[in-house]
């Protein structure tokens, strides 16, 4: 079975921090680009951040730039999203996704349609 499992979400005060984790099982993460996406009620899914194989490309949405750090540990099949200075508008379900990029094509990690595997999501609620 091929799975991605997110964790680390929860309720946090504005200005607080959370670290999301995405653990892959059933496949080797080395050949995959990883993306973080979010969807709030009534809104379309949007890309938050992504990280390519070997971390050769890292991207952030303008809305979170300067507030988040993405990293990966392929030996542990885990990708992290550290989120700081959280705002109420960050409230959403956050999903991680994996895109098989065997050819190591560059600059594609932000294309949501490329992702074959998706996690179940973890809820972040930012409220006072």
Protein backbone atom coordinates (compact mmCIF):
# COMPACT_ATOMS: atom_id res chain seq x y z
CA UNK A 1 0.00 0.00 0.00
CA UNK A 2 1.14 3.52 -0.82
CA UNK A 3 0.25 6.12 1.77
CA UNK A 4 1.01 9.64 2.89
CA UNK A 5 -0.01 10.58 6.42
CA UNK A 6 -0.02 14.16 7.69
CA UNK A 7 0.14 15.14 11.32
CA UNK A 8 0.83 18.17 13.47
CA UNK A 9 -2.26 20.27 12.89
CA UNK A 10 -4.41 21.73 15.61
CA UNK A 11 -5.77 24.88 17.17
CA UNK A 12 -3.30 27.72 17.61
CA UNK A 13 -3.44 31.39 18.57
CA UNK A 14 -2.62 34.04 15.96
CA UNK A 15 1.13 34.49 15.86
CA UNK A 16 1.74 30.94 17.00
CA UNK A 17 3.64 28.15 15.29
CA UNK A 18 3.03 24.60 14.17
CA UNK A 19 5.14 21.95 12.48
CA UNK A 20 3.39 19.65 10.06
CA UNK A 21 4.83 16.25 9.19
CA UNK A 22 4.14 14.04 6.19
CA UNK A 23 5.29 10.44 6.40
CA UNK A 24 5.36 8.21 3.32
CA UNK A 25 4.99 4.45 3.42
CA UNK A 26 4.96 1.81 0.71
CA UNK A 27 7.41 3.61 -1.57
CA UNK A 28 10.80 5.28 -1.52
CA UNK A 29 10.60 9.04 -1.25
CA UNK A 30 13.91 9.73 -3.00
CA UNK A 31 12.39 9.98 -6.49
CA UNK A 32 9.46 12.19 -5.53
CA UNK A 33 8.73 15.88 -5.42
CA UNK A 34 6.62 16.77 -2.40
CA UNK A 35 4.03 19.51 -2.16
CA UNK A 36 1.95 21.00 0.61
CA UNK A 37 -1.50 22.26 -0.32
CA UNK A 38 -4.38 23.67 1.66
CA UNK A 39 -8.09 24.15 1.22
CA UNK A 40 -10.35 26.35 3.30
CA UNK A 41 -14.16 26.07 3.28
CA UNK A 42 -15.59 27.75 0.21
CA UNK A 43 -12.19 28.24 -1.38
CA UNK A 44 -10.21 26.42 -4.01
CA UNK A 45 -7.22 24.30 -3.13
CA UNK A 46 -4.02 26.29 -3.21
CA UNK A 47 -0.36 25.41 -3.16
CA UNK A 48 1.49 26.42 -0.01
CA UNK A 49 4.99 25.13 -0.60
CA UNK A 50 6.84 22.39 -2.43
CA UNK A 51 10.24 20.78 -2.42
CA UNK A 52 11.77 18.83 -5.26
CA UNK A 53 14.07 15.83 -5.29
CA UNK A 54 17.35 16.59 -3.54
CA UNK A 55 15.79 19.90 -2.49
CA UNK A 56 17.03 21.42 -5.75
CA UNK A 57 13.85 23.51 -5.98
CA UNK A 58 11.92 25.00 -3.08
CA UNK A 59 8.89 27.21 -3.60
CA UNK A 60 6.51 29.14 -1.38
CA UNK A 61 3.23 30.86 -2.01
CA UNK A 62 3.39 34.63 -1.62
CA UNK A 63 0.87 34.40 1.19
CA UNK A 64 3.23 32.37 3.38
CA UNK A 65 6.66 33.47 2.18
CA UNK A 66 8.87 34.39 5.08
CA UNK A 67 6.68 32.51 7.55
CA UNK A 68 7.20 28.87 6.58
CA UNK A 69 10.10 26.48 6.10
CA UNK A 70 9.87 23.24 4.15
CA UNK A 71 12.38 20.44 4.57
CA UNK A 72 12.71 16.74 3.84
CA UNK A 73 14.43 13.73 5.37
CA UNK A 74 14.39 11.01 2.73
CA UNK A 75 16.04 8.48 5.03
CA UNK A 76 12.99 8.76 7.27
CA UNK A 77 10.53 9.21 4.37
CA UNK A 78 9.33 12.41 5.99
CA UNK A 79 8.70 15.98 4.85
CA UNK A 80 8.13 18.84 7.27
CA UNK A 81 6.39 22.18 7.02
CA UNK A 82 7.27 24.58 9.81
CA UNK A 83 4.70 27.37 9.99
CA UNK A 84 5.33 30.49 12.05
CA UNK A 85 3.45 33.72 12.69
CA UNK A 86 0.19 32.01 11.85
CA UNK A 87 -2.77 34.13 10.81
CA UNK A 88 -6.50 33.41 10.88
CA UNK A 89 -6.43 33.24 7.09
CA UNK A 90 -4.10 30.23 7.37
CA UNK A 91 -7.03 28.20 8.69
CA UNK A 92 -7.54 25.26 6.33
CA UNK A 93 -7.07 21.55 5.85
CA UNK A 94 -3.47 20.95 4.85
CA UNK A 95 -2.53 18.12 2.51
CA UNK A 96 0.80 16.70 1.48
CA UNK A 97 1.25 15.13 -1.93
CA UNK A 98 3.96 13.18 -3.74
CA UNK A 99 4.84 13.38 -7.44
CA UNK A 100 6.97 10.67 -9.01
CA UNK A 101 9.70 12.55 -10.84
CA UNK A 102 11.97 9.76 -12.01
CA UNK A 103 13.41 11.90 -14.81
CA UNK A 104 14.27 14.67 -12.34
CA UNK A 105 12.43 17.33 -14.34
CA UNK A 106 12.99 20.72 -12.79
CA UNK A 107 10.51 23.41 -11.77
CA UNK A 108 7.41 21.22 -11.68
CA UNK A 109 6.80 20.75 -7.97
CA UNK A 110 4.17 23.50 -7.85
CA UNK A 111 1.89 21.83 -10.44
CA UNK A 112 -0.85 20.17 -8.43
CA UNK A 113 -2.03 18.04 -11.35
CA UNK A 114 1.27 16.18 -11.36
CA UNK A 115 0.80 14.66 -7.93
CA UNK A 116 -0.19 11.00 -7.82
CA UNK A 117 -0.40 10.44 -4.07
CA UNK A 118 -2.25 12.54 -1.52
CA UNK A 119 -2.60 12.37 2.22
CA UNK A 120 -5.84 12.59 4.15
CA UNK A 121 -5.16 16.08 5.43
CA UNK A 122 -4.64 17.70 8.81
CA UNK A 123 -6.66 20.63 10.11
CA UNK A 124 -5.06 23.90 11.17
CA UNK A 125 -7.30 26.40 12.92
CA UNK A 126 -5.87 29.80 13.84
CA UNK A 127 -8.15 31.63 16.23
CA UNK A 128 -8.05 33.63 19.43
